[in-house]
Amino acid sequence: MKKIIATTAAIIVSGTASFAAPLTYNGASEYSVEKEALSFNLGTNYGYGNFDVFANVDFSKLDTKSVTFDGAEVGVAYYLNTTVQIYGKIITDDNLDYSDTVVGASFTF
């Protein structure tokens, strides 16, 4: 639990001194019907021009007794225009060891 709190605090605090730009916080939760599990994430997002730098931590609750730390991700996104964004992120596992690198694009309309 100390590792989870320390990781979350480090992600939130590390960015506040790095950028003099808008800092936002985000969170999301979802429930898997088949797995009967609740998952949620918390994170920060820093806007700097057309770039966003973000960091998130992921948790899950498989039963009524415990919440587990599933991993973290750090990434950067670039807005091509007001509706299209390209991004890359590095994902870690529950031990904060490298797990994957993801690149993609998203859009809004």
PDB file of N, CA and C in Angstrom:
ATOM      1  N   MET A   1       0.815  -1.181   0.000  1.00  0.00           N
ATOM      2  CA  MET A   1       0.000   0.000   0.000  1.00  0.00           C
ATOM      3  C   MET A   1       0.866   1.255   0.000  1.00  0.00           C
ATOM      4  N   LYS A   2       1.995   1.206   0.719  1.00  0.00           N
ATOM      5  CA  LYS A   2       2.897   2.359   0.739  1.00  0.00           C
ATOM      6  C   LYS A   2       3.431   2.650  -0.658  1.00  0.00           C
ATOM      7  N   LYS A   3       3.694   1.580  -1.425  1.00  0.00           N
ATOM      8  CA  LYS A   3       4.205   1.746  -2.781  1.00  0.00           C
ATOM      9  C   LYS A   3       3.173   2.435  -3.672  1.00  0.00           C
ATOM     10  N   ILE A   4       1.901   2.077  -3.496  1.00  0.00           N
ATOM     11  CA  ILE A   4       0.825   2.681  -4.278  1.00  0.00           C
ATOM     12  C   ILE A   4       0.713   4.165  -3.960  1.00  0.00           C
ATOM     13  N   ILE A   5       0.708   4.494  -2.686  1.00  0.00           N
ATOM     14  CA  ILE A   5       0.582   5.895  -2.275  1.00  0.00           C
ATOM     15  C   ILE A   5       1.783   6.697  -2.749  1.00  0.00           C
ATOM     16  N   ALA A   6       2.982   6.134  -2.604  1.00  0.00           N
ATOM     17  CA  ALA A   6       4.196   6.838  -3.031  1.00  0.00           C
ATOM     18  C   ALA A   6       4.202   7.066  -4.540  1.00  0.00           C
ATOM     19  N   THR A   7       3.788   6.069  -5.308  1.00  0.00           N
ATOM     20  CA  THR A   7       3.749   6.200  -6.765  1.00  0.00           C
ATOM     21  C   THR A   7       2.743   7.267  -7.185  1.00  0.00           C
ATOM     22  N   THR A   8       1.562   7.225  -6.601  1.00  0.00           N
ATOM     23  CA  THR A   8       0.533   8.218  -6.931  1.00  0.00           C
ATOM     24  C   THR A   8       1.004   9.621  -6.584  1.00  0.00           C
ATOM     25  N   ALA A   9       1.582   9.774  -5.411  1.00  0.00           N
ATOM     26  CA  ALA A   9       2.079  11.088  -4.990  1.00  0.00           C
ATOM     27  C   ALA A   9       3.195  11.575  -5.906  1.00  0.00           C
ATOM     28  N   ALA A  10       4.104  10.683  -6.284  1.00  0.00           N
ATOM     29  CA  ALA A  10       5.217  11.074  -7.158  1.00  0.00           C
ATOM     30  C   ALA A  10       4.716  11.536  -8.520  1.00  0.00           C
ATOM     31  N   ILE A  11       3.734  10.843  -9.061  1.00  0.00           N
ATOM     32  CA  ILE A  11       3.183  11.228 -10.360  1.00  0.00           C
ATOM     33  C   ILE A  11       2.532  12.605 -10.288  1.00  0.00           C
ATOM     34  N   ILE A  12       1.776  12.834  -9.240  1.00  0.00           N
ATOM     35  CA  ILE A  12       1.070  14.110  -9.108  1.00  0.00           C
ATOM     36  C   ILE A  12       2.032  15.252  -8.834  1.00  0.00           C
ATOM     37  N   VAL A  13       2.977  15.039  -7.924  1.00  0.00           N
ATOM     38  CA  VAL A  13       3.878  16.111  -7.513  1.00  0.00           C
ATOM     39  C   VAL A  13       4.950  16.403  -8.556  1.00  0.00           C
ATOM     40  N   SER A  14       5.429  15.382  -9.248  1.00  0.00           N
ATOM     41  CA  SER A  14       6.542  15.587 -10.180  1.00  0.00           C
ATOM     42  C   SER A  14       6.218  16.585 -11.277  1.00  0.00           C
ATOM     43  N   GLY A  15       5.018  16.613 -11.722  1.00  0.00           N
ATOM     44  CA  GLY A  15       4.654  17.509 -12.809  1.00  0.00           C
ATOM     45  C   GLY A  15       4.397  18.938 -12.396  1.00  0.00           C
ATOM     46  N   THR A  16       4.044  19.166 -11.164  1.00  0.00           N
ATOM     47  CA  THR A  16       3.686  20.520 -10.766  1.00  0.00           C
ATOM     48  C   THR A  16       4.866  21.466 -10.877  1.00  0.00           C
ATOM     49  N   ALA A  17       6.073  20.985 -10.675  1.00  0.00           N
ATOM     50  CA  ALA A  17       7.244  21.842 -10.801  1.00  0.00           C
ATOM     51  C   ALA A  17       7.793  21.842 -12.220  1.00  0.00           C
ATOM     52  N   SER A  18       7.419  20.856 -13.020  1.00  0.00           N
ATOM     53  CA  SER A  18       7.981  20.723 -14.358  1.00  0.00           C
ATOM     54  C   SER A  18       7.424  21.724 -15.361  1.00  0.00           C
ATOM     55  N   PHE A  19       6.150  22.017 -15.284  1.00  0.00           N
ATOM     56  CA  PHE A  19       5.509  22.869 -16.271  1.00  0.00           C
ATOM     57  C   PHE A  19       4.759  24.001 -15.590  1.00  0.00           C
ATOM     58  N   ALA A  20       4.821  25.160 -16.187  1.00  0.00           N
ATOM     59  CA  ALA A  20       4.008  26.278 -15.706  1.00  0.00           C
ATOM     60  C   ALA A  20       2.778  26.375 -16.601  1.00  0.00           C
ATOM     61  N   ALA A  21       2.118  25.267 -16.817  1.00  0.00           N
ATOM     62  CA  ALA A  21       0.965  25.183 -17.700  1.00  0.00           C
ATOM     63  C   ALA A  21      -0.207  24.589 -16.931  1.00  0.00           C
ATOM     64  N   PRO A  22      -1.379  24.610 -17.537  1.00  0.00           N
ATOM     65  CA  PRO A  22      -2.551  24.072 -16.849  1.00  0.00           C
ATOM     66  C   PRO A  22      -2.366  22.610 -16.431  1.00  0.00           C
ATOM     67  N   LEU A  23      -2.693  22.355 -15.195  1.00  0.00           N
ATOM     68  CA  LEU A  23      -2.629  21.011 -14.630  1.00  0.00           C
ATOM     69  C   LEU A  23      -4.050  20.549 -14.377  1.00  0.00           C
ATOM     70  N   THR A  24      -4.404  19.399 -14.905  1.00  0.00           N
ATOM     71  CA  THR A  24      -5.722  18.839 -14.644  1.00  0.00           C
ATOM     72  C   THR A  24      -5.568  17.439 -14.078  1.00  0.00           C
ATOM     73  N   TYR A  25      -6.576  17.007 -13.379  1.00  0.00           N
ATOM     74  CA  TYR A  25      -6.614  15.665 -12.816  1.00  0.00           C
ATOM     75  C   TYR A  25      -7.725  14.901 -13.499  1.00  0.00           C
ATOM     76  N   ASN A  26      -7.558  13.588 -13.614  1.00  0.00           N
ATOM     77  CA  ASN A  26      -8.587  12.782 -14.246  1.00  0.00           C
ATOM     78  C   ASN A  26      -8.779  11.485 -13.485  1.00  0.00           C
ATOM     79  N   GLY A  27      -9.874  10.868 -13.748  1.00  0.00           N
ATOM     80  CA  GLY A  27     -10.173   9.586 -13.146  1.00  0.00           C
ATOM     81  C   GLY A  27     -11.275   8.910 -13.929  1.00  0.00           C
ATOM     82  N   ALA A  28     -11.308   7.603 -13.832  1.00  0.00           N
ATOM     83  CA  ALA A  28     -12.341   6.841 -14.515  1.00  0.00           C
ATOM     84  C   ALA A  28     -12.530   5.531 -13.769  1.00  0.00           C
ATOM     85  N   SER A  29     -13.708   4.965 -13.902  1.00  0.00           N
ATOM     86  CA  SER A  29     -13.958   3.649 -13.320  1.00  0.00           C
ATOM     87  C   SER A  29     -14.870   2.868 -14.255  1.00  0.00           C
ATOM     88  N   GLU A  30     -14.748   1.550 -14.185  1.00  0.00           N
ATOM     89  CA  GLU A  30     -15.606   0.697 -14.985  1.00  0.00           C
ATOM     90  C   GLU A  30     -15.767  -0.646 -14.284  1.00  0.00           C
ATOM     91  N   TYR A  31     -16.873  -1.312 -14.574  1.00  0.00           N
ATOM     92  CA  TYR A  31     -17.178  -2.590 -13.967  1.00  0.00           C
ATOM     93  C   TYR A  31     -17.261  -3.652 -15.050  1.00  0.00           C
ATOM     94  N   SER A  32     -16.529  -4.740 -14.879  1.00  0.00           N
ATOM     95  CA  SER A  32     -16.563  -5.864 -15.807  1.00  0.00           C
ATOM     96  C   SER A  32     -17.608  -6.866 -15.316  1.00  0.00           C
ATOM     97  N   VAL A  33     -18.626  -7.081 -16.117  1.00  0.00           N
ATOM     98  CA  VAL A  33     -19.703  -7.987 -15.733  1.00  0.00           C
ATOM     99  C   VAL A  33     -19.202  -9.425 -15.687  1.00  0.00           C
ATOM    100  N   GLU A  34     -18.437  -9.841 -16.682  1.00  0.00           N
ATOM    101  CA  GLU A  34     -17.957 -11.222 -16.736  1.00  0.00           C
ATOM    102  C   GLU A  34     -16.954 -11.538 -15.624  1.00  0.00           C
ATOM    103  N   LYS A  35     -16.022 -10.623 -15.364  1.00  0.00           N
ATOM    104  CA  LYS A  35     -15.018 -10.830 -14.316  1.00  0.00           C
ATOM    105  C   LYS A  35     -15.530 -10.452 -12.931  1.00  0.00           C
ATOM    106  N   GLU A  36     -16.651  -9.739 -12.907  1.00  0.00           N
ATOM    107  CA  GLU A  36     -17.206  -9.214 -11.659  1.00  0.00           C
ATOM    108  C   GLU A  36     -16.146  -8.432 -10.891  1.00  0.00           C
ATOM    109  N   ALA A  37     -15.510  -7.516 -11.619  1.00  0.00           N
ATOM    110  CA  ALA A  37     -14.417  -6.736 -11.037  1.00  0.00           C
ATOM    111  C   ALA A  37     -14.581  -5.258 -11.374  1.00  0.00           C
ATOM    112  N   LEU A  38     -14.241  -4.430 -10.435  1.00  0.00           N
ATOM    113  CA  LEU A  38     -14.254  -2.985 -10.609  1.00  0.00           C
ATOM    114  C   LEU A  38     -12.827  -2.524 -10.854  1.00  0.00           C
ATOM    115  N   SER A  39     -12.619  -1.702 -11.861  1.00  0.00           N
ATOM    116  CA  SER A  39     -11.293  -1.133 -12.101  1.00  0.00           C
ATOM    117  C   SER A  39     -11.420   0.374 -12.196  1.00  0.00           C
ATOM    118  N   PHE A  40     -10.363   1.066 -11.812  1.00  0.00           N
ATOM    119  CA  PHE A  40     -10.375   2.512 -11.873  1.00  0.00           C
ATOM    120  C   PHE A  40      -8.963   3.042 -12.015  1.00  0.00           C
ATOM    121  N   ASN A  41      -8.852   4.277 -12.497  1.00  0.00           N
ATOM    122  CA  ASN A  41      -7.547   4.905 -12.633  1.00  0.00           C
ATOM    123  C   ASN A  41      -7.634   6.356 -12.203  1.00  0.00           C
ATOM    124  N   LEU A  42      -6.497   6.855 -11.803  1.00  0.00           N
ATOM    125  CA  LEU A  42      -6.336   8.252 -11.403  1.00  0.00           C
ATOM    126  C   LEU A  42      -5.113   8.791 -12.101  1.00  0.00           C
ATOM    127  N   GLY A  43      -5.124  10.073 -12.455  1.00  0.00           N
ATOM    128  CA  GLY A  43      -3.961  10.609 -13.137  1.00  0.00           C
ATOM    129  C   GLY A  43      -3.944  12.114 -13.217  1.00  0.00           C
ATOM    130  N   THR A  44      -2.905  12.580 -13.867  1.00  0.00           N
ATOM    131  CA  THR A  44      -2.720  14.007 -14.096  1.00  0.00           C
ATOM    132  C   THR A  44      -2.470  14.238 -15.577  1.00  0.00           C
ATOM    133  N   ASN A  45      -2.755  15.451 -16.008  1.00  0.00           N
ATOM    134  CA  ASN A  45      -2.536  15.831 -17.393  1.00  0.00           C
ATOM    135  C   ASN A  45      -2.012  17.266 -17.423  1.00  0.00           C
ATOM    136  N   TYR A  46      -0.940  17.485 -18.160  1.00  0.00           N
ATOM    137  CA  TYR A  46      -0.339  18.811 -18.271  1.00  0.00           C
ATOM    138  C   TYR A  46      -0.402  19.263 -19.714  1.00  0.00           C
ATOM    139  N   GLY A  47      -1.068  20.369 -19.953  1.00  0.00           N
ATOM    140  CA  GLY A  47      -1.141  20.913 -21.297  1.00  0.00           C
ATOM    141  C   GLY A  47      -0.029  21.907 -21.540  1.00  0.00           C
ATOM    142  N   TYR A  48       0.633  21.771 -22.683  1.00  0.00           N
ATOM    143  CA  TYR A  48       1.724  22.674 -23.045  1.00  0.00           C
ATOM    144  C   TYR A  48       1.677  22.884 -24.547  1.00  0.00           C
ATOM    145  N   GLY A  49       1.021  23.943 -24.973  1.00  0.00           N
ATOM    146  CA  GLY A  49       0.845  24.169 -26.411  1.00  0.00           C
ATOM    147  C   GLY A  49      -0.032  23.081 -27.000  1.00  0.00           C
ATOM    148  N   ASN A  50       0.429  22.462 -28.082  1.00  0.00           N
ATOM    149  CA  ASN A  50      -0.307  21.362 -28.699  1.00  0.00           C
ATOM    150  C   ASN A  50      -0.006  20.021 -28.051  1.00  0.00           C
ATOM    151  N   PHE A  51       0.820  20.012 -27.019  1.00  0.00           N
ATOM    152  CA  PHE A  51       1.205  18.772 -26.353  1.00  0.00           C
ATOM    153  C   PHE A  51       0.473  18.591 -25.032  1.00  0.00           C
ATOM    154  N   ASP A  52       0.206  17.361 -24.700  1.00  0.00           N
ATOM    155  CA  ASP A  52      -0.256  16.964 -23.377  1.00  0.00           C
ATOM    156  C   ASP A  52       0.715  15.910 -22.862  1.00  0.00           C
ATOM    157  N   VAL A  53       1.118  16.054 -21.629  1.00  0.00           N
ATOM    158  CA  VAL A  53       1.920  15.034 -20.952  1.00  0.00           C
ATOM    159  C   VAL A  53       1.026  14.467 -19.863  1.00  0.00           C
ATOM    160  N   PHE A  54       0.956  13.147 -19.783  1.00  0.00           N
ATOM    161  CA  PHE A  54       0.036  12.556 -18.820  1.00  0.00           C
ATOM    162  C   PHE A  54       0.670  11.386 -18.076  1.00  0.00           C
ATOM    163  N   ALA A  55       0.142  11.130 -16.905  1.00  0.00           N
ATOM    164  CA  ALA A  55       0.562   9.995 -16.085  1.00  0.00           C
ATOM    165  C   ALA A  55      -0.667   9.477 -15.356  1.00  0.00           C
ATOM    166  N   ASN A  56      -0.848   8.164 -15.376  1.00  0.00           N
ATOM    167  CA  ASN A  56      -2.008   7.537 -14.740  1.00  0.00           C
ATOM    168  C   ASN A  56      -1.573   6.318 -13.948  1.00  0.00           C
ATOM    169  N   VAL A  57      -2.296   6.011 -12.896  1.00  0.00           N
ATOM    170  CA  VAL A  57      -2.114   4.773 -12.150  1.00  0.00           C
ATOM    171  C   VAL A  57      -3.423   3.996 -12.226  1.00  0.00           C
ATOM    172  N   ASP A  58      -3.308   2.673 -12.349  1.00  0.00           N
ATOM    173  CA  ASP A  58      -4.468   1.807 -12.521  1.00  0.00           C
ATOM    174  C   ASP A  58      -4.631   0.879 -11.321  1.00  0.00           C
ATOM    175  N   PHE A  59      -5.875   0.734 -10.878  1.00  0.00           N
ATOM    176  CA  PHE A  59      -6.207  -0.125  -9.744  1.00  0.00           C
ATOM    177  C   PHE A  59      -7.373  -1.028 -10.124  1.00  0.00           C
ATOM    178  N   SER A  60      -7.544  -2.120  -9.365  1.00  0.00           N
ATOM    179  CA  SER A  60      -8.730  -2.946  -9.550  1.00  0.00           C
ATOM    180  C   SER A  60      -9.187  -3.470  -8.198  1.00  0.00           C
ATOM    181  N   LYS A  61     -10.451  -3.808  -8.144  1.00  0.00           N
ATOM    182  CA  LYS A  61     -11.050  -4.360  -6.927  1.00  0.00           C
ATOM    183  C   LYS A  61     -11.765  -5.634  -7.340  1.00  0.00           C
ATOM    184  N   LEU A  62     -11.162  -6.770  -6.994  1.00  0.00           N
ATOM    185  CA  LEU A  62     -11.710  -8.053  -7.400  1.00  0.00           C
ATOM    186  C   LEU A  62     -12.681  -8.628  -6.379  1.00  0.00           C
ATOM    187  N   ASP A  63     -12.605  -8.164  -5.160  1.00  0.00           N
ATOM    188  CA  ASP A  63     -13.520  -8.628  -4.127  1.00  0.00           C
ATOM    189  C   ASP A  63     -13.836  -7.466  -3.193  1.00  0.00           C
ATOM    190  N   THR A  64     -14.568  -7.731  -2.164  1.00  0.00           N
ATOM    191  CA  THR A  64     -14.965  -6.650  -1.258  1.00  0.00           C
ATOM    192  C   THR A  64     -13.893  -6.322  -0.227  1.00  0.00           C
ATOM    193  N   LYS A  65     -12.779  -7.029  -0.224  1.00  0.00           N
ATOM    194  CA  LYS A  65     -11.780  -6.856   0.825  1.00  0.00           C
ATOM    195  C   LYS A  65     -10.566  -6.037   0.427  1.00  0.00           C
ATOM    196  N   SER A  66     -10.198  -6.017  -0.846  1.00  0.00           N
ATOM    197  CA  SER A  66      -8.927  -5.379  -1.180  1.00  0.00           C
ATOM    198  C   SER A  66      -8.962  -4.663  -2.516  1.00  0.00           C
ATOM    199  N   VAL A  67      -8.107  -3.666  -2.617  1.00  0.00           N
ATOM    200  CA  VAL A  67      -7.862  -2.952  -3.862  1.00  0.00           C
ATOM    201  C   VAL A  67      -6.418  -3.253  -4.247  1.00  0.00           C
ATOM    202  N   THR A  68      -6.196  -3.594  -5.512  1.00  0.00           N
ATOM    203  CA  THR A  68      -4.846  -3.917  -5.953  1.00  0.00           C
ATOM    204  C   THR A  68      -4.346  -2.888  -6.955  1.00  0.00           C
ATOM    205  N   PHE A  69      -3.059  -2.628  -6.884  1.00  0.00           N
ATOM    206  CA  PHE A  69      -2.386  -1.749  -7.835  1.00  0.00           C
ATOM    207  C   PHE A  69      -2.033  -2.575  -9.059  1.00  0.00           C
ATOM    208  N   ASP A  70      -2.499  -2.150 -10.227  1.00  0.00           N
ATOM    209  CA  ASP A  70      -2.279  -2.917 -11.457  1.00  0.00           C
ATOM    210  C   ASP A  70      -1.126  -2.398 -12.298  1.00  0.00           C
ATOM    211  N   GLY A  71      -0.764  -1.129 -12.155  1.00  0.00           N
ATOM    212  CA  GLY A  71       0.318  -0.576 -12.952  1.00  0.00           C
ATOM    213  C   GLY A  71       0.156   0.908 -13.160  1.00  0.00           C
ATOM    214  N   ALA A  72       1.029   1.444 -13.994  1.00  0.00           N
ATOM    215  CA  ALA A  72       1.015   2.879 -14.276  1.00  0.00           C
ATOM    216  C   ALA A  72       1.369   3.094 -15.737  1.00  0.00           C
ATOM    217  N   GLU A  73       1.059   4.286 -16.225  1.00  0.00           N
ATOM    218  CA  GLU A  73       1.445   4.660 -17.584  1.00  0.00           C
ATOM    219  C   GLU A  73       1.821   6.128 -17.617  1.00  0.00           C
ATOM    220  N   VAL A  74       2.812   6.414 -18.455  1.00  0.00           N
ATOM    221  CA  VAL A  74       3.283   7.778 -18.661  1.00  0.00           C
ATOM    222  C   VAL A  74       3.341   7.981 -20.166  1.00  0.00           C
ATOM    223  N   GLY A  75       2.854   9.132 -20.630  1.00  0.00           N
ATOM    224  CA  GLY A  75       2.853   9.330 -22.070  1.00  0.00           C
ATOM    225  C   GLY A  75       2.771  10.779 -22.470  1.00  0.00           C
ATOM    226  N   VAL A  76       2.797  10.971 -23.780  1.00  0.00           N
ATOM    227  CA  VAL A  76       2.680  12.307 -24.353  1.00  0.00           C
ATOM    228  C   VAL A  76       1.745  12.216 -25.560  1.00  0.00           C
ATOM    229  N   ALA A  77       0.956  13.269 -25.738  1.00  0.00           N
ATOM    230  CA  ALA A  77       0.039  13.338 -26.872  1.00  0.00           C
ATOM    231  C   ALA A  77       0.262  14.654 -27.599  1.00  0.00           C
ATOM    232  N   TYR A  78       0.050  14.632 -28.900  1.00  0.00           N
ATOM    233  CA  TYR A  78       0.178  15.826 -29.725  1.00  0.00           C
ATOM    234  C   TYR A  78      -1.116  16.011 -30.506  1.00  0.00           C
ATOM    235  N   TYR A  79      -1.691  17.208 -30.414  1.00  0.00           N
ATOM    236  CA  TYR A  79      -2.920  17.520 -31.139  1.00  0.00           C
ATOM    237  C   TYR A  79      -2.572  17.993 -32.542  1.00  0.00           C
ATOM    238  N   LEU A  80      -2.960  17.209 -33.553  1.00  0.00           N
ATOM    239  CA  LEU A  80      -2.760  17.604 -34.949  1.00  0.00           C
ATOM    240  C   LEU A  80      -3.692  18.751 -35.315  1.00  0.00           C
ATOM    241  N   ASN A  81      -4.887  18.708 -34.764  1.00  0.00           N
ATOM    242  CA  ASN A  81      -5.874  19.790 -34.904  1.00  0.00           C
ATOM    243  C   ASN A  81      -6.827  19.665 -33.718  1.00  0.00           C
ATOM    244  N   THR A  82      -7.943  20.330 -33.757  1.00  0.00           N
ATOM    245  CA  THR A  82      -8.841  20.324 -32.602  1.00  0.00           C
ATOM    246  C   THR A  82      -9.564  18.996 -32.392  1.00  0.00           C
ATOM    247  N   THR A  83      -9.527  18.103 -33.387  1.00  0.00           N
ATOM    248  CA  THR A  83     -10.252  16.838 -33.256  1.00  0.00           C
ATOM    249  C   THR A  83      -9.373  15.589 -33.315  1.00  0.00           C
ATOM    250  N   VAL A  84      -8.136  15.693 -33.779  1.00  0.00           N
ATOM    251  CA  VAL A  84      -7.275  14.513 -33.928  1.00  0.00           C
ATOM    252  C   VAL A  84      -6.030  14.653 -33.058  1.00  0.00           C
ATOM    253  N   GLN A  85      -5.729  13.578 -32.366  1.00  0.00           N
ATOM    254  CA  GLN A  85      -4.594  13.546 -31.452  1.00  0.00           C
ATOM    255  C   GLN A  85      -3.798  12.262 -31.695  1.00  0.00           C
ATOM    256  N   ILE A  86      -2.471  12.361 -31.721  1.00  0.00           N
ATOM    257  CA  ILE A  86      -1.620  11.173 -31.759  1.00  0.00           C
ATOM    258  C   ILE A  86      -0.912  11.085 -30.404  1.00  0.00           C
ATOM    259  N   TYR A  87      -0.614   9.881 -29.979  1.00  0.00           N
ATOM    260  CA  TYR A  87      -0.031   9.726 -28.645  1.00  0.00           C
ATOM    261  C   TYR A  87       0.879   8.505 -28.567  1.00  0.00           C
ATOM    262  N   GLY A  88       1.699   8.505 -27.567  1.00  0.00           N
ATOM    263  CA  GLY A  88       2.541   7.370 -27.218  1.00  0.00           C
ATOM    264  C   GLY A  88       2.605   7.275 -25.712  1.00  0.00           C
ATOM    265  N   LYS A  89       2.660   6.054 -25.205  1.00  0.00           N
ATOM    266  CA  LYS A  89       2.739   5.883 -23.757  1.00  0.00           C
ATOM    267  C   LYS A  89       3.518   4.633 -23.404  1.00  0.00           C
ATOM    268  N   ILE A  90       4.138   4.676 -22.249  1.00  0.00           N
ATOM    269  CA  ILE A  90       4.866   3.546 -21.696  1.00  0.00           C
ATOM    270  C   ILE A  90       4.044   3.015 -20.536  1.00  0.00           C
ATOM    271  N   ILE A  91       3.836   1.711 -20.523  1.00  0.00           N
ATOM    272  CA  ILE A  91       3.004   1.079 -19.503  1.00  0.00           C
ATOM    273  C   ILE A  91       3.882   0.196 -18.620  1.00  0.00           C
ATOM    274  N   THR A  92       3.632   0.259 -17.319  1.00  0.00           N
ATOM    275  CA  THR A  92       4.358  -0.588 -16.367  1.00  0.00           C
ATOM    276  C   THR A  92       3.386  -1.559 -15.708  1.00  0.00           C
ATOM    277  N   ASP A  93       3.943  -2.599 -15.105  1.00  0.00           N
ATOM    278  CA  ASP A  93       3.109  -3.561 -14.387  1.00  0.00           C
ATOM    279  C   ASP A  93       2.986  -3.167 -12.924  1.00  0.00           C
ATOM    280  N   ASP A  94       2.475  -4.072 -12.119  1.00  0.00           N
ATOM    281  CA  ASP A  94       2.242  -3.759 -10.713  1.00  0.00           C
ATOM    282  C   ASP A  94       3.522  -3.601  -9.899  1.00  0.00           C
ATOM    283  N   ASN A  95       4.670  -4.000 -10.455  1.00  0.00           N
ATOM    284  CA  ASN A  95       5.963  -3.779  -9.808  1.00  0.00           C
ATOM    285  C   ASN A  95       6.690  -2.572 -10.382  1.00  0.00           C
ATOM    286  N   LEU A  96       5.993  -1.821 -11.237  1.00  0.00           N
ATOM    287  CA  LEU A  96       6.535  -0.665 -11.957  1.00  0.00           C
ATOM    288  C   LEU A  96       7.680  -1.044 -12.896  1.00  0.00           C
ATOM    289  N   ASP A  97       7.663  -2.298 -13.358  1.00  0.00           N
ATOM    290  CA  ASP A  97       8.601  -2.756 -14.383  1.00  0.00           C
ATOM    291  C   ASP A  97       7.966  -2.517 -15.748  1.00  0.00           C
ATOM    292  N   TYR A  98       8.806  -2.260 -16.753  1.00  0.00           N
ATOM    293  CA  TYR A  98       8.322  -2.006 -18.109  1.00  0.00           C
ATOM    294  C   TYR A  98       7.442  -3.160 -18.572  1.00  0.00           C
ATOM    295  N   SER A  99       6.297  -2.815 -19.167  1.00  0.00           N
ATOM    296  CA  SER A  99       5.378  -3.820 -19.675  1.00  0.00           C
ATOM    297  C   SER A  99       5.148  -3.680 -21.177  1.00  0.00           C
ATOM    298  N   ASP A 100       4.950  -2.432 -21.651  1.00  0.00           N
ATOM    299  CA  ASP A 100       4.611  -2.245 -23.056  1.00  0.00           C
ATOM    300  C   ASP A 100       4.778  -0.778 -23.450  1.00  0.00           C
ATOM    301  N   THR A 101       4.926  -0.564 -24.751  1.00  0.00           N
ATOM    302  CA  THR A 101       4.886   0.770 -25.329  1.00  0.00           C
ATOM    303  C   THR A 101       3.723   0.789 -26.316  1.00  0.00           C
ATOM    304  N   VAL A 102       2.896   1.811 -26.222  1.00  0.00           N
ATOM    305  CA  VAL A 102       1.703   1.917 -27.065  1.00  0.00           C
ATOM    306  C   VAL A 102       1.742   3.227 -27.818  1.00  0.00           C
ATOM    307  N   VAL A 103       1.451   3.188 -29.117  1.00  0.00           N
ATOM    308  CA  VAL A 103       1.288   4.398 -29.923  1.00  0.00           C
ATOM    309  C   VAL A 103      -0.096   4.327 -30.559  1.00  0.00           C
ATOM    310  N   GLY A 104      -0.705   5.489 -30.749  1.00  0.00           N
ATOM    311  CA  GLY A 104      -2.040   5.467 -31.326  1.00  0.00           C
ATOM    312  C   GLY A 104      -2.516   6.846 -31.723  1.00  0.00           C
ATOM    313  N   ALA A 105      -3.748   6.864 -32.161  1.00  0.00           N
ATOM    314  CA  ALA A 105      -4.406   8.109 -32.545  1.00  0.00           C
ATOM    315  C   ALA A 105      -5.832   8.056 -32.005  1.00  0.00           C
ATOM    316  N   SER A 106      -6.343   9.236 -31.661  1.00  0.00           N
ATOM    317  CA  SER A 106      -7.730   9.311 -31.206  1.00  0.00           C
ATOM    318  C   SER A 106      -8.382  10.531 -31.834  1.00  0.00           C
ATOM    319  N   PHE A 107      -9.696  10.535 -31.817  1.00  0.00           N
ATOM    320  CA  PHE A 107     -10.405  11.668 -32.401  1.00  0.00           C
ATOM    321  C   PHE A 107     -11.671  11.941 -31.605  1.00  0.00           C
ATOM    322  N   THR A 108     -12.154  13.133 -31.729  1.00  0.00           N
ATOM    323  CA  THR A 108     -13.431  13.527 -31.150  1.00  0.00           C
ATOM    324  C   THR A 108     -14.235  14.229 -32.234  1.00  0.00           C
ATOM    325  N   PHE A 109     -15.542  14.145 -32.135  1.00  0.00           N
ATOM    326  CA  PHE A 109     -16.398  14.841 -33.092  1.00  0.00           C
ATOM    327  C   PHE A 109     -17.703  15.211 -32.442  1.00  0.00           C
TER     328      PHE A 109
END
